[in-house]
Amino acid sequence: MNNILIDGITNIDDELIEKYFAIKAKMADERARKNKTRLAWRTIGAAAACICLAVLITLPLILRGNDTEYTSYRTYEEVAQVIGPDTLLKNIDFSGIKNHSIKVFHKSGDAGQHKKLEFIADAAEYSYELDISFDKDDDNSAHYKGGLVEEIKGIPVAIVRREASNDTVQYVAVFEYNNCKYVFRSRSGISEDGFYALLNEILN
């Protein structure tokens, strides 16, 4: 019986053995191809999920940014017709200012729905900026917390003193007037006394 079994094993046709190994190799290649395809789809799925997440995060910011534009004005009289006469911009003496810019940020396509005014003044020896926020959602005064509160002209004003990288000091005043938030900050060339002089002029 054992001799018959041994003869059956040893006398297998070489062609059958070759077919067996060929089929085995083909099956191994097929498994490798399926694994590679599965891995590729997993990679694509992960990349697609990352893209979707990025879109969900940035799309609201993009849409919000596109919802705002600004209009430039040259004189106080021009901008007062849009924002009204009851802002402290009326107290600024334009005669001593060499260059200035007035921008009113508003809802796209509707200049009447103003959100913020940005006034930048460049005099001969100094420059400063005054921001007026009409929309509480666009209020940037949160960037200047921790100031010392003083009362100037009957208005509580938070004064922030910030050390700049070039050994200069930036002075910032944050206050409210007529339901609007004001941020007045020095840009260059203003001493502490000069800053307070300009602030008193604005709050006059």
Protein backbone atom coordinates (compact mmCIF):
# COMPACT_ATOMS: atom_id res chain seq x y z
CA MET A 1 0.00 0.00 0.00
CA ASN A 2 2.84 2.38 0.91
CA ASN A 3 4.68 1.51 -2.29
CA ILE A 4 1.57 2.36 -4.32
CA LEU A 5 1.24 5.72 -2.54
CA ILE A 6 4.93 6.50 -3.03
CA ASP A 7 4.73 5.58 -6.70
CA GLY A 8 1.64 7.81 -7.10
CA ILE A 9 3.44 10.81 -5.60
CA THR A 10 6.74 10.37 -7.37
CA ASN A 11 5.15 9.72 -10.74
CA ILE A 12 3.11 12.99 -10.89
CA ASP A 13 3.40 14.55 -14.30
CA ASP A 14 5.82 17.52 -14.38
CA GLU A 15 3.27 19.48 -16.37
CA LEU A 16 0.74 19.21 -13.52
CA ILE A 17 3.36 20.44 -11.05
CA GLU A 18 4.11 23.45 -13.27
CA LYS A 19 0.38 24.22 -13.56
CA TYR A 20 0.01 24.01 -9.78
CA PHE A 21 2.81 26.53 -9.16
CA ALA A 22 1.52 28.76 -11.96
CA ILE A 23 -1.97 28.82 -10.40
CA LYS A 24 -0.47 29.46 -6.96
CA ALA A 25 1.59 32.39 -8.28
CA LYS A 26 -1.45 33.80 -10.09
CA MET A 27 -3.52 33.65 -6.90
CA ALA A 28 -0.75 35.41 -4.97
CA ASP A 29 -0.58 38.16 -7.62
CA GLU A 30 -4.36 38.56 -7.47
CA ARG A 31 -4.30 38.95 -3.68
CA ALA A 32 -1.50 41.52 -3.94
CA ARG A 33 -3.43 43.49 -6.58
CA LYS A 34 -6.59 43.53 -4.45
CA ASN A 35 -4.63 44.69 -1.39
CA LYS A 36 -2.99 47.45 -3.43
CA THR A 37 -6.36 48.59 -4.79
CA ARG A 38 -7.89 48.53 -1.31
CA LEU A 39 -5.00 50.61 0.06
CA ALA A 40 -5.32 53.12 -2.78
CA TRP A 41 -9.04 53.58 -2.08
CA ARG A 42 -8.35 54.05 1.61
CA THR A 43 -5.77 56.73 0.79
CA ILE A 44 -8.19 58.48 -1.57
CA GLY A 45 -10.94 58.29 1.04
CA ALA A 46 -8.73 59.80 3.72
CA ALA A 47 -7.63 62.61 1.39
CA ALA A 48 -11.26 63.32 0.42
CA ALA A 49 -12.23 63.48 4.09
CA CYS A 50 -9.43 65.99 4.79
CA ILE A 51 -10.52 68.15 1.85
CA CYS A 52 -14.15 68.11 3.00
CA LEU A 53 -13.10 69.10 6.51
CA ALA A 54 -10.96 71.96 5.19
CA VAL A 55 -13.85 73.22 3.04
CA LEU A 56 -16.28 73.07 5.98
CA ILE A 57 -13.87 75.11 8.12
CA THR A 58 -12.82 77.74 5.56
CA LEU A 59 -16.03 78.21 3.56
CA PRO A 60 -17.87 80.19 6.25
CA LEU A 61 -14.80 82.43 6.67
CA ILE A 62 -14.58 82.98 2.92
CA LEU A 63 -18.27 83.76 2.61
CA ARG A 64 -18.09 86.13 5.57
CA GLY A 65 -15.07 87.89 4.08
CA ASN A 66 -16.80 88.33 0.72
CA ASP A 67 -19.78 89.84 2.53
CA THR A 68 -17.81 93.01 3.40
CA GLU A 69 -16.26 95.70 1.25
CA TYR A 70 -15.22 99.29 1.85
CA THR A 71 -15.74 102.72 0.34
CA SER A 72 -13.09 105.45 0.56
CA TYR A 73 -13.85 109.10 1.31
CA ARG A 74 -11.65 112.18 1.15
CA THR A 75 -13.31 114.59 3.61
CA TYR A 76 -15.18 114.43 6.88
CA GLU A 77 -18.15 116.13 5.24
CA GLU A 78 -18.43 113.32 2.69
CA VAL A 79 -18.25 110.49 5.21
CA ALA A 80 -20.59 112.26 7.66
CA GLN A 81 -23.35 111.99 5.08
CA VAL A 82 -23.00 108.20 5.33
CA ILE A 83 -22.23 107.52 9.01
CA GLY A 84 -23.95 110.57 10.47
CA PRO A 85 -22.53 113.57 12.33
CA ASP A 86 -22.51 112.03 15.81
CA THR A 87 -19.04 110.44 15.79
CA LEU A 88 -15.87 111.80 17.35
CA LEU A 89 -14.27 112.03 13.93
CA LYS A 90 -15.77 115.53 13.81
CA ASN A 91 -13.30 116.67 16.49
CA ILE A 92 -10.16 115.91 14.48
CA ASP A 93 -8.29 118.91 13.11
CA PHE A 94 -7.57 117.98 9.49
CA SER A 95 -5.52 121.12 8.85
CA GLY A 96 -2.39 119.71 10.51
CA ILE A 97 -2.57 116.37 8.71
CA LYS A 98 -0.40 115.93 5.62
CA ASN A 99 -2.07 112.75 4.31
CA HIS A 100 -5.05 110.75 5.48
CA SER A 101 -7.41 107.98 4.44
CA ILE A 102 -11.01 107.33 5.44
CA LYS A 103 -12.50 103.91 4.76
CA VAL A 104 -15.98 102.78 5.71
CA PHE A 105 -16.45 99.01 5.71
CA HIS A 106 -19.98 97.93 4.92
CA LYS A 107 -22.08 95.04 3.68
CA SER A 108 -21.34 94.19 0.05
CA GLY A 109 -23.55 96.18 -2.30
CA ASP A 110 -25.07 98.26 0.51
CA ALA A 111 -23.00 101.24 1.65
CA GLY A 112 -25.77 102.18 4.09
CA GLN A 113 -25.10 99.16 6.31
CA HIS A 114 -21.74 100.35 7.57
CA LYS A 115 -19.84 98.19 10.07
CA LYS A 116 -16.58 100.01 10.77
CA LEU A 117 -14.73 103.21 9.95
CA GLU A 118 -10.95 103.27 9.64
CA PHE A 119 -9.21 106.65 9.74
CA ILE A 120 -5.43 106.84 9.26
CA ALA A 121 -3.63 110.16 9.66
CA ASP A 122 -0.06 110.96 8.62
CA ALA A 123 1.18 114.28 9.92
CA ALA A 124 4.66 115.68 9.41
CA GLU A 125 6.19 113.97 12.45
CA TYR A 126 3.74 111.27 13.51
CA SER A 127 0.90 109.01 12.41
CA TYR A 128 -2.07 107.42 14.13
CA GLU A 129 -5.20 105.39 13.46
CA LEU A 130 -8.76 105.70 14.72
CA ASP A 131 -11.21 102.82 14.28
CA ILE A 132 -14.93 103.19 14.96
CA SER A 133 -16.95 99.97 15.15
CA PHE A 134 -20.66 100.36 14.48
CA ASP A 135 -21.20 96.59 14.40
CA LYS A 136 -20.38 94.79 17.66
CA ASP A 137 -19.45 91.64 15.70
CA ASP A 138 -16.63 93.56 13.98
CA ASP A 139 -15.33 95.08 17.20
CA ASN A 140 -11.51 94.68 17.29
CA SER A 141 -11.02 96.16 20.75
CA ALA A 142 -10.68 92.63 22.19
CA HIS A 143 -7.08 92.67 20.91
CA TYR A 144 -6.22 95.35 23.50
CA LYS A 145 -7.26 93.94 26.84
CA GLY A 146 -5.75 94.67 30.23
CA GLY A 147 -5.41 98.43 29.95
CA LEU A 148 -5.47 100.91 32.80
CA VAL A 149 -8.87 102.64 32.86
CA GLU A 150 -8.84 106.42 33.16
CA GLU A 151 -11.67 108.91 32.92
CA ILE A 152 -11.03 111.52 30.25
CA LYS A 153 -13.65 114.16 29.47
CA GLY A 154 -16.12 112.11 31.50
CA ILE A 155 -15.57 108.96 29.39
CA PRO A 156 -13.92 105.78 30.79
CA VAL A 157 -10.91 105.03 28.58
CA ALA A 158 -8.73 101.92 28.76
CA ILE A 159 -5.12 102.88 27.99
CA VAL A 160 -2.83 100.12 26.76
CA ARG A 161 0.92 100.61 26.49
CA ARG A 162 2.59 98.08 24.17
CA GLU A 163 6.32 97.59 23.72
CA ALA A 164 7.24 97.16 20.05
CA SER A 165 10.13 95.08 18.72
CA ASN A 166 12.12 98.15 17.63
CA ASP A 167 12.26 99.62 21.16
CA THR A 168 9.32 101.93 20.45
CA VAL A 169 6.06 102.13 22.37
CA GLN A 170 2.59 101.95 20.90
CA TYR A 171 -0.17 103.65 22.86
CA VAL A 172 -3.76 102.43 22.45
CA ALA A 173 -6.98 103.91 23.85
CA VAL A 174 -10.22 101.89 23.88
CA PHE A 175 -13.54 103.48 24.81
CA GLU A 176 -17.22 103.71 23.91
CA TYR A 177 -19.12 106.73 22.71
CA ASN A 178 -22.68 106.98 21.42
CA ASN A 179 -23.07 103.14 21.26
CA CYS A 180 -19.93 102.75 19.15
CA LYS A 181 -16.60 101.20 20.11
CA TYR A 182 -13.49 103.31 19.48
CA VAL A 183 -9.88 102.18 19.19
CA PHE A 184 -7.33 105.00 18.91
CA ARG A 185 -3.71 103.92 18.49
CA SER A 186 -0.41 105.53 17.69
CA ARG A 187 1.47 104.29 14.65
CA SER A 188 4.80 106.16 14.72
CA GLY A 189 6.49 109.24 16.15
CA ILE A 190 4.04 109.89 19.00
CA SER A 191 5.26 110.36 22.56
CA GLU A 192 3.06 109.63 25.55
CA ASP A 193 2.30 113.34 26.00
CA GLY A 194 1.53 113.68 22.30
CA PHE A 195 -0.77 110.67 22.45
CA TYR A 196 -2.76 112.11 25.33
CA ALA A 197 -2.95 115.50 23.60
CA LEU A 198 -4.45 113.90 20.49
CA LEU A 199 -6.79 111.75 22.60
CA ASN A 200 -8.07 114.83 24.43
CA GLU A 201 -8.61 116.52 21.07
CA ILE A 202 -10.72 113.57 19.86
CA LEU A 203 -12.72 113.43 23.10
CA ASN A 204 -13.24 117.19 23.18
